All heavy atoms as atom14 arrays in JSON, in Angstrom:
{
  "sequence": "LSKGSSDFYKKEVRATKLEWLNDKFPEIKFDEIHIIQY",
  "atom14_mask": [
    [1, 1, 1, 1, 1, 1, 1, 1, 0, 0, 0, 0, 0, 0],
    [1, 1, 1, 1, 1, 1, 0, 0, 0, 0, 0, 0, 0, 0],
    [1, 1, 1, 1, 1, 1, 1, 1, 1, 0, 0, 0, 0, 0],
    [1, 1, 1, 1, 0, 0, 0, 0, 0, 0, 0, 0, 0, 0],
    [1, 1, 1, 1, 1, 1, 0, 0, 0, 0, 0, 0, 0, 0],
    [1, 1, 1, 1, 1, 1, 0, 0, 0, 0, 0, 0, 0, 0],
    [1, 1, 1, 1, 1, 1, 1, 1, 0, 0, 0, 0, 0, 0],
    [1, 1, 1, 1, 1, 1, 1, 1, 1, 1, 1, 0, 0, 0],
    [1, 1, 1, 1, 1, 1, 1, 1, 1, 1, 1, 1, 0, 0],
    [1, 1, 1, 1, 1, 1, 1, 1, 1, 0, 0, 0, 0, 0],
    [1, 1, 1, 1, 1, 1, 1, 1, 1, 0, 0, 0, 0, 0],
    [1, 1, 1, 1, 1, 1, 1, 1, 1, 0, 0, 0, 0, 0],
    [1, 1, 1, 1, 1, 1, 1, 0, 0, 0, 0, 0, 0, 0],
    [1, 1, 1, 1, 1, 1, 1, 1, 1, 1, 1, 0, 0, 0],
    [1, 1, 1, 1, 1, 0, 0, 0, 0, 0, 0, 0, 0, 0],
    [1, 1, 1, 1, 1, 1, 1, 0, 0, 0, 0, 0, 0, 0],
    [1, 1, 1, 1, 1, 1, 1, 1, 1, 0, 0, 0, 0, 0],
    [1, 1, 1, 1, 1, 1, 1, 1, 0, 0, 0, 0, 0, 0],
    [1, 1, 1, 1, 1, 1, 1, 1, 1, 0, 0, 0, 0, 0],
    [1, 1, 1, 1, 1, 1, 1, 1, 1, 1, 1, 1, 1, 1],
    [1, 1, 1, 1, 1, 1, 1, 1, 0, 0, 0, 0, 0, 0],
    [1, 1, 1, 1, 1, 1, 1, 1, 0, 0, 0, 0, 0, 0],
    [1, 1, 1, 1, 1, 1, 1, 1, 0, 0, 0, 0, 0, 0],
    [1, 1, 1, 1, 1, 1, 1, 1, 1, 0, 0, 0, 0, 0],
    [1, 1, 1, 1, 1, 1, 1, 1, 1, 1, 1, 0, 0, 0],
    [1, 1, 1, 1, 1, 1, 1, 0, 0, 0, 0, 0, 0, 0],
    [1, 1, 1, 1, 1, 1, 1, 1, 1, 0, 0, 0, 0, 0],
    [1, 1, 1, 1, 1, 1, 1, 1, 0, 0, 0, 0, 0, 0],
    [1, 1, 1, 1, 1, 1, 1, 1, 1, 0, 0, 0, 0, 0],
    [1, 1, 1, 1, 1, 1, 1, 1, 1, 1, 1, 0, 0, 0],
    [1, 1, 1, 1, 1, 1, 1, 1, 0, 0, 0, 0, 0, 0],
    [1, 1, 1, 1, 1, 1, 1, 1, 1, 0, 0, 0, 0, 0],
    [1, 1, 1, 1, 1, 1, 1, 1, 0, 0, 0, 0, 0, 0],
    [1, 1, 1, 1, 1, 1, 1, 1, 1, 1, 0, 0, 0, 0],
    [1, 1, 1, 1, 1, 1, 1, 1, 0, 0, 0, 0, 0, 0],
    [1, 1, 1, 1, 1, 1, 1, 1, 0, 0, 0, 0, 0, 0],
    [1, 1, 1, 1, 1, 1, 1, 1, 1, 0, 0, 0, 0, 0],
    [1, 1, 1, 1, 1, 1, 1, 1, 1, 1, 1, 1, 0, 0]
  ],
  "atom14_positions": [
    [[32.81, 58.78, 12.27], [33.07, 57.72, 13.22], [34.49, 57.18, 12.98], [35.16, 57.64, 12.03], [32.04, 56.59, 12.95], [30.6, 56.92, 13.3], [29.62, 55.95, 12.65], [30.44, 56.94, 14.8], [0.0, 0.0, 0.0], [0.0, 0.0, 0.0], [0.0, 0.0, 0.0], [0.0, 0.0, 0.0], [0.0, 0.0, 0.0], [0.0, 0.0, 0.0]],
    [[34.89, 56.26, 13.78], [36.25, 55.69, 13.68], [36.36, 54.85, 12.4], [35.42, 54.1, 12.06], [36.54, 54.86, 14.89], [37.9, 54.52, 14.94], [0.0, 0.0, 0.0], [0.0, 0.0, 0.0], [0.0, 0.0, 0.0], [0.0, 0.0, 0.0], [0.0, 0.0, 0.0], [0.0, 0.0, 0.0], [0.0, 0.0, 0.0], [0.0, 0.0, 0.0]],
    [[37.48, 54.96, 11.73], [37.75, 54.2, 10.49], [37.76, 52.71, 10.7], [38.39, 52.22, 11.61], [39.08, 54.7, 9.93], [39.45, 54.17, 8.57], [40.75, 54.75, 8.12], [41.14, 54.29, 6.74], [42.38, 54.91, 6.26], [0.0, 0.0, 0.0], [0.0, 0.0, 0.0], [0.0, 0.0, 0.0], [0.0, 0.0, 0.0], [0.0, 0.0, 0.0]],
    [[37.04, 51.98, 9.81], [37.12, 50.54, 9.85], [36.67, 49.86, 11.11], [37.25, 48.89, 11.53], [0.0, 0.0, 0.0], [0.0, 0.0, 0.0], [0.0, 0.0, 0.0], [0.0, 0.0, 0.0], [0.0, 0.0, 0.0], [0.0, 0.0, 0.0], [0.0, 0.0, 0.0], [0.0, 0.0, 0.0], [0.0, 0.0, 0.0], [0.0, 0.0, 0.0]],
    [[35.62, 50.36, 11.7], [35.19, 49.81, 13.0], [33.94, 48.98, 12.88], [33.17, 49.04, 11.91], [34.97, 50.96, 14.0], [34.08, 51.9, 13.5], [0.0, 0.0, 0.0], [0.0, 0.0, 0.0], [0.0, 0.0, 0.0], [0.0, 0.0, 0.0], [0.0, 0.0, 0.0], [0.0, 0.0, 0.0], [0.0, 0.0, 0.0], [0.0, 0.0, 0.0]],
    [[33.71, 48.16, 13.9], [32.52, 47.26, 13.91], [31.25, 48.11, 14.19], [31.33, 49.26, 14.66], [32.66, 46.26, 15.04], [32.57, 46.88, 16.29], [0.0, 0.0, 0.0], [0.0, 0.0, 0.0], [0.0, 0.0, 0.0], [0.0, 0.0, 0.0], [0.0, 0.0, 0.0], [0.0, 0.0, 0.0], [0.0, 0.0, 0.0], [0.0, 0.0, 0.0]],
    [[30.11, 47.53, 13.9], [28.85, 48.2, 14.12], [28.66, 48.52, 15.59], [28.19, 49.62, 15.96], [27.65, 47.37, 13.61], [27.57, 47.36, 12.13], [28.2, 48.2, 11.46], [26.89, 46.44, 11.59], [0.0, 0.0, 0.0], [0.0, 0.0, 0.0], [0.0, 0.0, 0.0], [0.0, 0.0, 0.0], [0.0, 0.0, 0.0], [0.0, 0.0, 0.0]],
    [[29.08, 47.62, 16.48], [28.98, 47.85, 17.91], [29.81, 49.05, 18.33], [29.34, 49.92, 19.06], [29.42, 46.6, 18.73], [29.41, 46.82, 20.18], [28.24, 46.83, 20.92], [30.63, 47.06, 20.86], [28.25, 47.06, 22.28], [30.66, 47.27, 22.21], [29.46, 47.27, 22.96], [0.0, 0.0, 0.0], [0.0, 0.0, 0.0], [0.0, 0.0, 0.0]],
    [[31.03, 49.14, 17.83], [31.93, 50.25, 18.18], [31.39, 51.53, 17.61], [31.48, 52.6, 18.28], [33.34, 49.95, 17.66], [34.38, 50.95, 18.1], [34.6, 51.21, 19.45], [35.18, 51.62, 17.19], [35.51, 52.15, 19.85], [36.15, 52.54, 17.61], [36.32, 52.78, 18.94], [37.27, 53.67, 19.34], [0.0, 0.0, 0.0], [0.0, 0.0, 0.0]],
    [[30.83, 51.5, 16.43], [30.25, 52.72, 15.85], [29.13, 53.28, 16.81], [29.05, 54.5, 17.02], [29.63, 52.45, 14.47], [30.68, 52.21, 13.4], [30.05, 51.86, 12.07], [31.11, 51.45, 11.07], [30.51, 50.88, 9.86], [0.0, 0.0, 0.0], [0.0, 0.0, 0.0], [0.0, 0.0, 0.0], [0.0, 0.0, 0.0], [0.0, 0.0, 0.0]],
    [[28.3, 52.39, 17.33], [27.23, 52.83, 18.25], [27.88, 53.46, 19.51], [27.41, 54.47, 20.0], [26.34, 51.66, 18.63], [25.4, 51.26, 17.56], [24.5, 50.11, 18.02], [23.64, 49.61, 16.87], [22.87, 48.44, 17.24], [0.0, 0.0, 0.0], [0.0, 0.0, 0.0], [0.0, 0.0, 0.0], [0.0, 0.0, 0.0], [0.0, 0.0, 0.0]],
    [[28.93, 52.8, 20.03], [29.63, 53.31, 21.21], [30.26, 54.67, 20.93], [30.17, 55.56, 21.78], [30.68, 52.33, 21.7], [30.14, 51.14, 22.4], [31.24, 50.44, 23.19], [32.39, 50.43, 22.75], [30.89, 49.91, 24.3], [0.0, 0.0, 0.0], [0.0, 0.0, 0.0], [0.0, 0.0, 0.0], [0.0, 0.0, 0.0], [0.0, 0.0, 0.0]],
    [[30.89, 54.84, 19.82], [31.56, 56.08, 19.48], [30.51, 57.21, 19.32], [30.69, 58.32, 19.82], [32.46, 55.94, 18.23], [32.89, 57.29, 17.73], [33.65, 55.04, 18.53], [0.0, 0.0, 0.0], [0.0, 0.0, 0.0], [0.0, 0.0, 0.0], [0.0, 0.0, 0.0], [0.0, 0.0, 0.0], [0.0, 0.0, 0.0], [0.0, 0.0, 0.0]],
    [[29.42, 56.89, 18.6], [28.35, 57.89, 18.42], [27.84, 58.39, 19.78], [27.74, 59.59, 20.02], [27.23, 57.28, 17.6], [26.18, 58.27, 17.24], [25.12, 57.73, 16.27], [25.63, 57.75, 14.92], [25.94, 56.68, 14.2], [25.75, 55.49, 14.68], [26.4, 56.8, 12.98], [0.0, 0.0, 0.0], [0.0, 0.0, 0.0], [0.0, 0.0, 0.0]],
    [[27.56, 57.43, 20.67], [27.05, 57.77, 22.0], [28.08, 58.6, 22.78], [27.75, 59.58, 23.44], [26.66, 56.53, 22.76], [0.0, 0.0, 0.0], [0.0, 0.0, 0.0], [0.0, 0.0, 0.0], [0.0, 0.0, 0.0], [0.0, 0.0, 0.0], [0.0, 0.0, 0.0], [0.0, 0.0, 0.0], [0.0, 0.0, 0.0], [0.0, 0.0, 0.0]],
    [[29.35, 58.2, 22.68], [30.39, 58.88, 23.42], [30.61, 60.31, 22.92], [30.8, 61.27, 23.68], [31.73, 58.09, 23.33], [31.49, 56.77, 23.89], [32.84, 58.76, 24.16], [0.0, 0.0, 0.0], [0.0, 0.0, 0.0], [0.0, 0.0, 0.0], [0.0, 0.0, 0.0], [0.0, 0.0, 0.0], [0.0, 0.0, 0.0], [0.0, 0.0, 0.0]],
    [[30.53, 60.49, 21.61], [30.67, 61.84, 21.03], [29.52, 62.69, 21.44], [29.72, 63.92, 21.76], [30.78, 61.78, 19.5], [32.13, 61.28, 19.03], [32.28, 61.44, 17.52], [33.7, 61.07, 17.08], [34.05, 61.72, 15.83], [0.0, 0.0, 0.0], [0.0, 0.0, 0.0], [0.0, 0.0, 0.0], [0.0, 0.0, 0.0], [0.0, 0.0, 0.0]],
    [[28.32, 62.2, 21.48], [27.16, 62.98, 21.93], [27.3, 63.34, 23.4], [27.0, 64.49, 23.8], [25.85, 62.21, 21.69], [25.46, 62.03, 20.21], [24.24, 61.09, 20.09], [25.15, 63.38, 19.55], [0.0, 0.0, 0.0], [0.0, 0.0, 0.0], [0.0, 0.0, 0.0], [0.0, 0.0, 0.0], [0.0, 0.0, 0.0], [0.0, 0.0, 0.0]],
    [[27.76, 62.38, 24.21], [27.99, 62.69, 25.65], [29.07, 63.75, 25.83], [28.93, 64.63, 26.67], [28.43, 61.41, 26.36], [27.34, 60.38, 26.57], [27.88, 59.07, 27.11], [29.0, 59.03, 27.66], [27.15, 58.05, 26.96], [0.0, 0.0, 0.0], [0.0, 0.0, 0.0], [0.0, 0.0, 0.0], [0.0, 0.0, 0.0], [0.0, 0.0, 0.0]],
    [[30.14, 63.69, 25.0], [31.21, 64.66, 25.07], [30.68, 66.07, 24.75], [30.95, 66.99, 25.5], [32.32, 64.27, 24.08], [33.57, 65.13, 24.17], [34.65, 64.9, 24.96], [33.8, 66.36, 23.46], [35.58, 65.91, 24.78], [35.07, 66.79, 23.9], [33.12, 67.11, 22.55], [35.67, 67.99, 23.4], [33.7, 68.28, 22.04], [34.96, 68.71, 22.5]],
    [[29.87, 66.19, 23.72], [29.28, 67.49, 23.38], [28.42, 68.01, 24.54], [28.51, 69.18, 24.91], [28.44, 67.39, 22.11], [29.21, 67.29, 20.81], [28.27, 66.87, 19.65], [29.93, 68.57, 20.47], [0.0, 0.0, 0.0], [0.0, 0.0, 0.0], [0.0, 0.0, 0.0], [0.0, 0.0, 0.0], [0.0, 0.0, 0.0], [0.0, 0.0, 0.0]],
    [[27.6, 67.15, 25.11], [26.72, 67.59, 26.2], [27.52, 67.95, 27.46], [27.16, 68.85, 28.19], [25.69, 66.47, 26.53], [24.62, 66.36, 25.46], [24.26, 67.34, 24.84], [24.13, 65.14, 25.26], [0.0, 0.0, 0.0], [0.0, 0.0, 0.0], [0.0, 0.0, 0.0], [0.0, 0.0, 0.0], [0.0, 0.0, 0.0], [0.0, 0.0, 0.0]],
    [[28.62, 67.22, 27.67], [29.46, 67.45, 28.84], [30.28, 68.74, 28.68], [30.37, 69.54, 29.6], [30.36, 66.28, 29.08], [31.28, 66.45, 30.28], [30.77, 66.78, 31.38], [32.52, 66.33, 30.1], [0.0, 0.0, 0.0], [0.0, 0.0, 0.0], [0.0, 0.0, 0.0], [0.0, 0.0, 0.0], [0.0, 0.0, 0.0], [0.0, 0.0, 0.0]],
    [[30.92, 68.91, 27.54], [31.82, 70.04, 27.32], [31.12, 71.33, 26.96], [31.58, 72.41, 27.31], [32.87, 69.72, 26.25], [33.7, 68.46, 26.51], [34.51, 68.58, 27.78], [35.39, 67.31, 27.98], [36.02, 67.29, 29.27], [0.0, 0.0, 0.0], [0.0, 0.0, 0.0], [0.0, 0.0, 0.0], [0.0, 0.0, 0.0], [0.0, 0.0, 0.0]],
    [[30.03, 71.21, 26.26], [29.29, 72.4, 25.8], [27.78, 72.31, 26.16], [26.91, 72.31, 25.3], [29.41, 72.58, 24.29], [30.86, 72.65, 23.81], [31.46, 71.57, 23.18], [31.62, 73.78, 24.08], [32.78, 71.65, 22.74], [32.93, 73.86, 23.67], [33.52, 72.8, 23.02], [0.0, 0.0, 0.0], [0.0, 0.0, 0.0], [0.0, 0.0, 0.0]],
    [[27.5, 72.19, 27.48], [26.09, 71.98, 27.87], [25.14, 73.14, 27.52], [23.95, 72.9, 27.47], [26.23, 71.79, 29.4], [27.47, 72.52, 29.78], [28.39, 72.34, 28.61], [0.0, 0.0, 0.0], [0.0, 0.0, 0.0], [0.0, 0.0, 0.0], [0.0, 0.0, 0.0], [0.0, 0.0, 0.0], [0.0, 0.0, 0.0], [0.0, 0.0, 0.0]],
    [[25.71, 74.31, 27.34], [24.84, 75.48, 27.07], [24.65, 75.79, 25.59], [24.09, 76.79, 25.23], [25.39, 76.7, 27.8], [25.35, 76.52, 29.32], [26.01, 77.64, 30.07], [25.99, 78.77, 29.57], [26.48, 77.44, 31.18], [0.0, 0.0, 0.0], [0.0, 0.0, 0.0], [0.0, 0.0, 0.0], [0.0, 0.0, 0.0], [0.0, 0.0, 0.0]],
    [[25.2, 74.9, 24.73], [25.03, 75.08, 23.29], [24.03, 74.01, 22.82], [24.2, 72.83, 23.05], [26.36, 74.93, 22.51], [27.39, 75.96, 22.98], [26.1, 75.02, 21.02], [28.78, 75.76, 22.37], [0.0, 0.0, 0.0], [0.0, 0.0, 0.0], [0.0, 0.0, 0.0], [0.0, 0.0, 0.0], [0.0, 0.0, 0.0], [0.0, 0.0, 0.0]],
    [[23.01, 74.48, 22.15], [22.0, 73.57, 21.6], [22.19, 73.56, 20.07], [21.74, 74.45, 19.36], [20.55, 74.03, 21.94], [20.32, 74.15, 23.44], [20.6, 72.88, 24.17], [20.46, 73.01, 25.68], [21.45, 72.28, 26.43], [0.0, 0.0, 0.0], [0.0, 0.0, 0.0], [0.0, 0.0, 0.0], [0.0, 0.0, 0.0], [0.0, 0.0, 0.0]],
    [[22.87, 72.5, 19.58], [23.11, 72.41, 18.17], [21.83, 72.09, 17.44], [21.01, 71.29, 17.9], [24.15, 71.33, 17.92], [25.55, 71.72, 18.39], [25.99, 71.32, 19.64], [26.35, 72.55, 17.63], [27.25, 71.71, 20.11], [27.61, 72.97, 18.11], [28.05, 72.54, 19.31], [0.0, 0.0, 0.0], [0.0, 0.0, 0.0], [0.0, 0.0, 0.0]],
    [[21.64, 72.69, 16.28], [20.45, 72.45, 15.44], [20.53, 71.15, 14.69], [19.51, 70.52, 14.43], [20.26, 73.61, 14.48], [20.06, 74.92, 15.18], [18.95, 75.12, 15.74], [20.99, 75.76, 15.19], [0.0, 0.0, 0.0], [0.0, 0.0, 0.0], [0.0, 0.0, 0.0], [0.0, 0.0, 0.0], [0.0, 0.0, 0.0], [0.0, 0.0, 0.0]],
    [[21.74, 70.72, 14.39], [22.02, 69.44, 13.68], [23.23, 68.79, 14.26], [24.2, 69.48, 14.49], [22.34, 69.69, 12.21], [21.37, 70.37, 11.35], [21.97, 70.66, 9.95], [22.56, 69.73, 9.33], [21.88, 71.83, 9.53], [0.0, 0.0, 0.0], [0.0, 0.0, 0.0], [0.0, 0.0, 0.0], [0.0, 0.0, 0.0], [0.0, 0.0, 0.0]],
    [[23.16, 67.5, 14.46], [24.32, 66.74, 14.79], [24.33, 65.46, 13.96], [23.39, 64.67, 13.98], [24.35, 66.31, 16.29], [24.36, 67.58, 17.19], [25.57, 65.46, 16.6], [24.29, 67.31, 18.7], [0.0, 0.0, 0.0], [0.0, 0.0, 0.0], [0.0, 0.0, 0.0], [0.0, 0.0, 0.0], [0.0, 0.0, 0.0], [0.0, 0.0, 0.0]],
    [[25.37, 65.36, 13.14], [25.54, 64.18, 12.26], [26.85, 63.51, 12.61], [27.91, 64.12, 12.43], [25.57, 64.62, 10.81], [24.4, 65.45, 10.4], [23.16, 64.91, 10.06], [24.27, 66.81, 10.26], [22.32, 65.91, 9.74], [22.99, 67.04, 9.84], [0.0, 0.0, 0.0], [0.0, 0.0, 0.0], [0.0, 0.0, 0.0], [0.0, 0.0, 0.0]],
    [[26.81, 62.33, 13.1], [28.0, 61.53, 13.39], [27.94, 60.35, 12.41], [27.09, 59.44, 12.59], [28.09, 61.12, 14.84], [28.1, 62.38, 15.71], [29.34, 60.29, 15.11], [27.98, 62.17, 17.22], [0.0, 0.0, 0.0], [0.0, 0.0, 0.0], [0.0, 0.0, 0.0], [0.0, 0.0, 0.0], [0.0, 0.0, 0.0], [0.0, 0.0, 0.0]],
    [[28.78, 60.41, 11.39], [28.58, 59.59, 10.2], [29.79, 58.68, 9.93], [30.85, 58.85, 10.48], [28.31, 60.49, 9.0], [29.49, 61.45, 8.71], [26.97, 61.25, 9.18], [29.33, 62.28, 7.45], [0.0, 0.0, 0.0], [0.0, 0.0, 0.0], [0.0, 0.0, 0.0], [0.0, 0.0, 0.0], [0.0, 0.0, 0.0], [0.0, 0.0, 0.0]],
    [[29.54, 57.77, 9.04], [30.56, 56.79, 8.59], [31.84, 57.53, 8.17], [31.8, 58.53, 7.5], [30.04, 56.01, 7.43], [30.94, 54.98, 6.86], [31.19, 53.83, 7.8], [30.31, 53.39, 8.53], [32.4, 53.34, 7.83], [0.0, 0.0, 0.0], [0.0, 0.0, 0.0], [0.0, 0.0, 0.0], [0.0, 0.0, 0.0], [0.0, 0.0, 0.0]],
    [[32.97, 57.0, 8.59], [34.25, 57.6, 8.22], [34.39, 57.65, 6.69], [34.07, 56.69, 5.99], [35.39, 56.72, 8.79], [36.78, 57.28, 8.46], [37.4, 58.17, 9.36], [37.43, 56.95, 7.31], [38.61, 58.71, 9.05], [38.66, 57.48, 7.01], [39.27, 58.37, 7.91], [40.48, 58.91, 7.59], [0.0, 0.0, 0.0], [0.0, 0.0, 0.0]]
  ]
}
């Protein structure tokens, strides 16, 4: 996640990264996705 960010922003970034993966690589089904603290 983004360095030194608020809890609200962490939630937004996590959701945005997941959307990006689904948008850019819709045909790849990842077995694990971990979006974690910087």
